[in-house]
């Protein structure tokens, strides 16, 4: 088994990228194309709050990454909301109105139990417990058909989570059956370290290390050159935001966050209504910063450049602003290329 220990997600991701490029000697076929694959790769990220992979080139979309976190913890599976922020999702997850393997729905409704709530109560009353498991994989609906074909286009890649409180911190073990190094892993780190941080806030403990086992860590051969360009570290400030809140406060502010993010997808929103939504300031600063970055992307799509700049000017997290700047530059370059081709 390959093992990677790093302080930050960016360091862990670059180490994994180098490992795959160096040690994955043979090409492994898959239904989505040829890959370089390493089996059984373990990660330990010592500071899970430093969850952003900012060295990846081209850069990731921070607005989509943040919106996806709140879509997950809200327990949703509807496809239209995340598709607004990432229009390429249909290529990977299908075109149905709901996503088959939506993590949030699996965690909060699919099995007839809110697993996050049960684990919160169980660990709150028995912090030494080893019996808490968050289950994302359902063999009744996820195992392949007898002929080996998939039962759906969106089968969960993350299958199980094992949270434990040790030495006053919430340790997290994530088990992933299939992990795309380039497209999936950077977003997985954000999704699940954010949930770890939120649950730690509910429990009144600090987040411990984030651990992950990727059973198949792979990169599609079409993405290999992009991975090679991403191996050098990019200077960036630390993440200064934490999503940790006590349970009562979190329950109060989550609907506000989701409502405002939903409003930002409304195609009929006027600039005035947009400003009222983006600049409401009715949630704690880390959540406000997430909304502002999402709002910047919403304004970019509408070509409201003054409002876009105001969103980033109001964001107090320098790392998010830098991530947004890199993403904005990528989008601008795409537009220039489209104009030249057109």
Protein backbone atom coordinates (compact mmCIF):
# COMPACT_ATOMS: atom_id res chain seq x y z
CA UNK A 1 0.00 0.00 0.00
CA UNK A 2 1.24 3.48 -0.87
CA UNK A 3 1.07 6.01 1.96
CA UNK A 4 1.15 9.80 1.79
CA UNK A 5 1.33 12.06 4.86
CA UNK A 6 1.19 15.80 4.35
CA UNK A 7 0.31 18.96 6.22
CA UNK A 8 -2.10 20.28 3.57
CA UNK A 9 -4.32 18.92 0.83
CA UNK A 10 -2.23 20.67 -1.81
CA UNK A 11 0.92 18.93 -0.60
CA UNK A 12 -0.89 15.58 -0.46
CA UNK A 13 -2.32 16.00 -3.95
CA UNK A 14 1.03 16.90 -5.53
CA UNK A 15 2.68 13.94 -3.79
CA UNK A 16 -0.06 11.64 -5.10
CA UNK A 17 0.28 13.07 -8.60
CA UNK A 18 4.01 12.41 -8.60
CA UNK A 19 3.47 8.92 -7.25
CA UNK A 20 0.95 8.00 -9.96
CA UNK A 21 3.14 9.38 -12.74
CA UNK A 22 6.22 7.59 -11.40
CA UNK A 23 4.84 4.25 -10.19
CA UNK A 24 1.82 3.53 -12.42
CA UNK A 25 3.74 1.59 -15.04
CA UNK A 26 0.88 0.03 -16.97
CA UNK A 27 -2.27 1.36 -18.58
CA UNK A 28 -5.56 0.21 -17.05
CA UNK A 29 -8.65 0.34 -19.23
CA UNK A 30 -11.99 1.63 -17.95
CA UNK A 31 -15.41 2.39 -19.42
CA UNK A 32 -14.46 6.11 -19.53
CA UNK A 33 -11.05 5.68 -21.14
CA UNK A 34 -7.52 4.48 -20.42
CA UNK A 35 -5.96 5.33 -17.07
CA UNK A 36 -2.75 5.15 -15.11
CA UNK A 37 -3.79 3.49 -11.86
CA UNK A 38 -2.36 2.85 -8.41
CA UNK A 39 -4.22 0.53 -6.06
CA UNK A 40 -4.57 1.07 -2.31
CA UNK A 41 -3.26 4.60 -1.73
CA UNK A 42 -3.55 6.04 1.78
CA UNK A 43 -3.60 9.74 2.67
CA UNK A 44 -3.17 11.58 5.94
CA UNK A 45 -3.75 15.34 5.91
CA UNK A 46 -2.68 16.78 9.24
CA UNK A 47 -4.40 20.17 8.85
CA UNK A 48 -7.70 19.44 7.10
CA UNK A 49 -8.73 23.11 7.20
CA UNK A 50 -6.03 23.60 4.52
CA UNK A 51 -8.25 21.71 2.11
CA UNK A 52 -7.68 23.53 -1.16
CA UNK A 53 -5.60 22.08 -4.01
CA UNK A 54 -4.46 25.36 -5.51
CA UNK A 55 -1.53 23.98 -7.53
CA UNK A 56 -3.73 22.10 -9.99
CA UNK A 57 -3.41 23.51 -13.50
CA UNK A 58 -5.83 24.38 -14.98
CA UNK A 59 -7.31 25.61 -11.70
CA UNK A 60 -10.44 24.22 -10.11
CA UNK A 61 -13.69 26.16 -9.77
CA UNK A 62 -13.91 27.36 -6.14
CA UNK A 63 -17.53 28.49 -6.52
CA UNK A 64 -18.72 25.04 -7.56
CA UNK A 65 -16.61 23.37 -4.86
CA UNK A 66 -18.20 25.52 -2.14
CA UNK A 67 -21.75 25.21 -3.47
CA UNK A 68 -21.37 21.45 -3.66
CA UNK A 69 -20.47 21.29 0.05
CA UNK A 70 -23.75 22.98 1.02
CA UNK A 71 -25.76 20.92 -1.47
CA UNK A 72 -24.35 17.80 0.20
CA UNK A 73 -24.93 18.79 3.82
CA UNK A 74 -28.45 19.93 2.96
CA UNK A 75 -29.15 16.29 1.99
CA UNK A 76 -30.13 17.04 -1.59
CA UNK A 77 -29.95 15.04 -4.80
CA UNK A 78 -31.54 17.41 -7.34
CA UNK A 79 -29.29 17.91 -10.35
CA UNK A 80 -30.35 21.37 -11.58
CA UNK A 81 -28.77 23.26 -8.67
CA UNK A 82 -25.19 21.88 -8.95
CA UNK A 83 -25.44 21.85 -12.77
CA UNK A 84 -25.86 25.63 -12.77
CA UNK A 85 -22.38 25.93 -11.23
CA UNK A 86 -20.80 23.10 -13.25
CA UNK A 87 -22.39 22.50 -16.63
CA UNK A 88 -20.12 19.56 -17.42
CA UNK A 89 -21.65 17.40 -14.66
CA UNK A 90 -24.02 15.73 -17.09
CA UNK A 91 -21.04 14.16 -18.88
CA UNK A 92 -20.06 12.31 -15.71
CA UNK A 93 -23.31 11.88 -13.76
CA UNK A 94 -26.00 11.63 -16.43
CA UNK A 95 -28.91 13.86 -17.38
CA UNK A 96 -31.58 12.71 -14.93
CA UNK A 97 -33.40 15.23 -12.74
CA UNK A 98 -31.86 13.65 -9.63
CA UNK A 99 -28.38 12.20 -9.14
CA UNK A 100 -28.46 8.50 -8.32
CA UNK A 101 -25.47 8.57 -5.95
CA UNK A 102 -25.79 12.04 -4.39
CA UNK A 103 -23.71 11.97 -1.21
CA UNK A 104 -25.93 14.31 0.79
CA UNK A 105 -29.09 12.37 0.12
CA UNK A 106 -27.27 9.13 0.96
CA UNK A 107 -26.10 10.62 4.26
CA UNK A 108 -29.31 12.24 5.38
CA UNK A 109 -32.27 10.42 3.80
CA UNK A 110 -31.57 7.44 1.53
CA UNK A 111 -31.40 4.77 4.24
CA UNK A 112 -34.39 6.16 6.17
CA UNK A 113 -32.13 7.78 8.76
CA UNK A 114 -30.21 11.03 9.07
CA UNK A 115 -26.78 9.48 9.54
CA UNK A 116 -25.06 12.78 10.36
CA UNK A 117 -27.55 13.47 13.14
CA UNK A 118 -27.28 9.93 14.56
CA UNK A 119 -23.47 10.03 14.58
CA UNK A 120 -23.54 13.49 16.22
CA UNK A 121 -25.76 12.19 19.01
CA UNK A 122 -23.89 8.91 19.39
CA UNK A 123 -20.43 10.49 19.61
CA UNK A 124 -21.76 13.26 21.83
CA UNK A 125 -22.95 10.67 24.34
CA UNK A 126 -20.19 8.11 23.80
CA UNK A 127 -17.04 9.83 22.50
CA UNK A 128 -14.98 6.63 22.76
CA UNK A 129 -17.28 4.77 20.36
CA UNK A 130 -15.88 2.70 17.49
CA UNK A 131 -19.34 1.91 16.10
CA UNK A 132 -20.07 5.06 14.11
CA UNK A 133 -20.08 4.49 10.35
CA UNK A 134 -21.45 6.85 7.71
CA UNK A 135 -22.57 4.72 4.78
CA UNK A 136 -22.73 6.00 1.20
CA UNK A 137 -22.76 2.69 -0.71
CA UNK A 138 -26.00 0.73 -1.02
CA UNK A 139 -25.47 -2.70 -2.62
CA UNK A 140 -29.17 -2.99 -3.41
CA UNK A 141 -28.96 -0.11 -5.89
CA UNK A 142 -25.22 0.27 -6.60
CA UNK A 143 -23.79 -3.18 -7.39
CA UNK A 144 -23.33 -3.80 -11.14
CA UNK A 145 -25.87 -5.75 -13.14
CA UNK A 146 -25.15 -9.49 -13.49
CA UNK A 147 -23.62 -8.80 -16.91
CA UNK A 148 -21.17 -6.34 -15.34
CA UNK A 149 -22.77 -3.20 -16.72
CA UNK A 150 -23.39 -0.28 -14.33
CA UNK A 151 -26.89 0.14 -12.95
CA UNK A 152 -26.63 3.94 -13.24
CA UNK A 153 -24.30 6.62 -14.57
CA UNK A 154 -23.69 8.09 -11.10
CA UNK A 155 -22.43 5.35 -8.79
CA UNK A 156 -20.91 6.68 -5.52
CA UNK A 157 -17.12 6.76 -5.57
CA UNK A 158 -16.92 7.50 -1.84
CA UNK A 159 -18.39 4.49 -0.07
CA UNK A 160 -17.85 4.71 3.71
CA UNK A 161 -16.74 7.17 6.41
CA UNK A 162 -15.43 6.19 9.85
CA UNK A 163 -15.45 9.15 12.29
CA UNK A 164 -13.93 8.79 15.76
CA UNK A 165 -13.10 11.14 18.61
CA UNK A 166 -9.61 10.58 19.91
CA UNK A 167 -7.60 12.86 22.20
CA UNK A 168 -10.34 15.46 21.99
CA UNK A 169 -10.32 15.65 18.19
CA UNK A 170 -12.60 14.28 15.47
CA UNK A 171 -10.52 11.88 13.36
CA UNK A 172 -11.92 11.06 9.92
CA UNK A 173 -11.35 8.02 7.71
CA UNK A 174 -12.74 8.17 4.18
CA UNK A 175 -12.91 5.04 2.01
CA UNK A 176 -13.07 5.62 -1.75
CA UNK A 177 -13.53 2.80 -4.26
CA UNK A 178 -12.60 4.86 -7.37
CA UNK A 179 -10.74 8.17 -7.29
CA UNK A 180 -9.92 10.33 -10.30
CA UNK A 181 -6.75 12.15 -9.25
CA UNK A 182 -7.24 15.13 -11.56
CA UNK A 183 -11.00 15.74 -11.65
CA UNK A 184 -12.25 14.14 -8.45
CA UNK A 185 -9.70 14.13 -5.65
CA UNK A 186 -9.32 17.92 -5.19
CA UNK A 187 -13.10 18.25 -4.78
CA UNK A 188 -13.31 15.19 -2.51
CA UNK A 189 -10.83 16.77 -0.12
CA UNK A 190 -12.98 19.92 0.06
CA UNK A 191 -16.28 18.07 0.44
CA UNK A 192 -15.35 15.76 3.25
CA UNK A 193 -12.91 17.89 5.26
CA UNK A 194 -15.67 20.51 5.30
CA UNK A 195 -18.16 17.97 6.66
CA UNK A 196 -15.54 16.82 9.18
CA UNK A 197 -15.15 20.44 10.30
CA UNK A 198 -18.90 20.97 10.58
CA UNK A 199 -19.43 17.79 12.60
CA UNK A 200 -16.54 18.71 14.88
CA UNK A 201 -18.28 22.02 15.55
CA UNK A 202 -21.51 20.24 16.43
CA UNK A 203 -19.59 18.06 18.86
CA UNK A 204 -17.56 20.90 20.36
CA UNK A 205 -14.20 19.29 19.53
CA UNK A 206 -11.39 20.20 17.16
CA UNK A 207 -10.96 18.46 13.81
CA UNK A 208 -8.23 15.85 13.90
CA UNK A 209 -6.38 14.52 10.88
CA UNK A 210 -8.22 13.65 7.69
CA UNK A 211 -7.43 10.13 6.47
CA UNK A 212 -8.44 8.59 3.17
CA UNK A 213 -7.92 5.28 1.43
CA UNK A 214 -8.33 5.42 -2.35
CA UNK A 215 -8.66 1.83 -3.55
CA UNK A 216 -8.15 2.86 -7.19
CA UNK A 217 -6.34 6.17 -7.54
CA UNK A 218 -6.05 6.92 -11.22
CA UNK A 219 -5.54 9.60 -13.83
CA UNK A 220 -6.95 9.34 -17.33
CA UNK A 221 -4.19 9.31 -19.92
CA UNK A 222 -5.80 12.35 -21.59
CA UNK A 223 -5.10 14.34 -18.39
CA UNK A 224 -1.51 13.19 -17.80
CA UNK A 225 0.14 16.28 -19.29
CA UNK A 226 -2.07 18.59 -17.22
CA UNK A 227 -1.04 16.65 -14.11
CA UNK A 228 2.63 17.06 -15.04
CA UNK A 229 2.12 20.83 -15.28
CA UNK A 230 0.62 20.82 -11.78
CA UNK A 231 3.52 19.28 -9.85
CA UNK A 232 5.15 22.57 -8.87
CA UNK A 233 3.86 24.32 -5.77
CA UNK A 234 1.93 27.57 -6.16
CA UNK A 235 2.38 30.16 -3.43
CA UNK A 236 -0.90 30.87 -1.68
CA UNK A 237 -2.06 32.25 1.68
CA UNK A 238 -3.59 29.84 4.22
CA UNK A 239 -7.29 29.18 4.45
CA UNK A 240 -8.52 31.34 7.34
CA UNK A 241 -12.16 30.17 7.42
CA UNK A 242 -13.71 27.42 9.51
CA UNK A 243 -17.19 25.97 9.05
CA UNK A 244 -17.27 24.73 12.66
CA UNK A 245 -20.37 25.95 14.51
CA UNK A 246 -22.46 24.56 17.33
CA UNK A 247 -25.39 22.47 16.13
CA UNK A 248 -28.14 24.97 16.93
CA UNK A 249 -26.41 27.82 15.13
CA UNK A 250 -25.57 25.60 12.16
CA UNK A 251 -29.18 24.48 11.84
CA UNK A 252 -30.28 28.11 11.86
CA UNK A 253 -27.85 29.41 9.24
CA UNK A 254 -27.78 26.50 6.75
CA UNK A 255 -31.22 27.31 5.27
CA UNK A 256 -30.14 30.94 4.81
CA UNK A 257 -26.99 29.90 2.97
CA UNK A 258 -28.83 27.48 0.69
CA UNK A 259 -31.61 29.99 -0.01
CA UNK A 260 -29.12 32.65 -1.06
CA UNK A 261 -27.19 30.21 -3.25
CA UNK A 262 -30.47 29.15 -4.87
CA UNK A 263 -31.38 32.79 -5.56
CA UNK A 264 -28.05 33.28 -7.31
CA UNK A 265 -29.09 30.67 -9.91
CA UNK A 266 -32.25 32.60 -10.88
CA UNK A 267 -31.85 33.73 -14.49
CA UNK A 268 -34.41 36.50 -13.94
CA UNK A 269 -32.52 38.10 -11.05
CA UNK A 270 -32.05 41.85 -11.48
CA UNK A 271 -28.78 43.55 -10.48
CA UNK A 272 -30.51 45.07 -7.46
CA UNK A 273 -31.93 41.71 -6.37
CA UNK A 274 -28.53 40.16 -6.96
CA UNK A 275 -26.89 42.71 -4.62
CA UNK A 276 -29.53 42.14 -1.95
CA UNK A 277 -28.81 38.40 -2.10
CA UNK A 278 -25.03 38.48 -2.41
CA UNK A 279 -24.41 41.18 0.22
CA UNK A 280 -27.00 40.23 2.85
CA UNK A 281 -24.41 39.46 5.57
CA UNK A 282 -26.81 37.38 7.66
CA UNK A 283 -24.47 34.41 8.28
CA UNK A 284 -21.04 34.06 9.95
CA UNK A 285 -18.04 35.30 7.99
CA UNK A 286 -16.76 31.91 6.69
CA UNK A 287 -20.18 31.14 5.27
CA UNK A 288 -20.50 34.69 3.95
CA UNK A 289 -17.19 34.30 2.13
CA UNK A 290 -18.41 31.10 0.49
CA UNK A 291 -21.55 32.87 -0.74
CA UNK A 292 -19.49 35.81 -2.05
CA UNK A 293 -17.28 33.51 -4.15
CA UNK A 294 -20.37 31.76 -5.53
CA UNK A 295 -21.93 35.16 -6.20
CA UNK A 296 -18.80 36.27 -8.07
CA UNK A 297 -19.20 33.30 -10.41
CA UNK A 298 -22.91 34.02 -10.84
CA UNK A 299 -22.10 37.65 -11.72
CA UNK A 300 -19.36 36.52 -14.13
CA UNK A 301 -21.86 34.36 -16.01
CA UNK A 302 -24.18 37.39 -16.34
CA UNK A 303 -21.27 39.67 -17.35
CA UNK A 304 -21.99 41.96 -14.42
CA UNK A 305 -18.33 42.76 -13.96
CA UNK A 306 -18.75 45.55 -11.38
CA UNK A 307 -20.80 43.26 -9.14
CA UNK A 308 -18.32 40.46 -9.68
CA UNK A 309 -15.49 42.67 -8.44
CA UNK A 310 -17.55 43.85 -5.48
CA UNK A 311 -18.10 40.22 -4.43
CA UNK A 312 -14.38 39.48 -4.32
CA UNK A 313 -13.59 42.85 -2.72
CA UNK A 314 -15.93 41.97 0.15
CA UNK A 315 -14.48 38.47 0.65
CA UNK A 316 -12.16 38.47 3.69
CA UNK A 317 -10.48 35.13 2.87
CA UNK A 318 -7.39 35.92 0.77
CA UNK A 319 -7.02 32.30 -0.33
CA UNK A 320 -10.55 32.19 -1.77
CA UNK A 321 -9.91 35.44 -3.59
CA UNK A 322 -6.72 34.00 -5.12
CA UNK A 323 -8.49 30.79 -6.10
CA UNK A 324 -11.24 32.85 -7.68
CA UNK A 325 -8.72 35.01 -9.56
CA UNK A 326 -7.09 31.91 -11.09
CA UNK A 327 -10.48 30.47 -12.05
CA UNK A 328 -11.60 33.81 -13.53
CA UNK A 329 -8.44 33.95 -15.66
CA UNK A 330 -9.11 30.42 -16.93
CA UNK A 331 -12.67 31.37 -17.90
CA UNK A 332 -11.49 34.54 -19.65
CA UNK A 333 -8.95 32.54 -21.65
CA UNK A 334 -11.67 30.08 -22.67
CA UNK A 335 -13.80 32.96 -23.91
CA UNK A 336 -10.93 34.38 -25.94
CA UNK A 337 -10.28 30.98 -27.50
CA UNK A 338 -14.00 30.60 -28.30
CA UNK A 339 -14.00 34.03 -29.96
CA UNK A 340 -10.96 33.14 -32.07
CA UNK A 341 -12.53 29.82 -33.11
CA UNK A 342 -15.85 31.51 -33.87
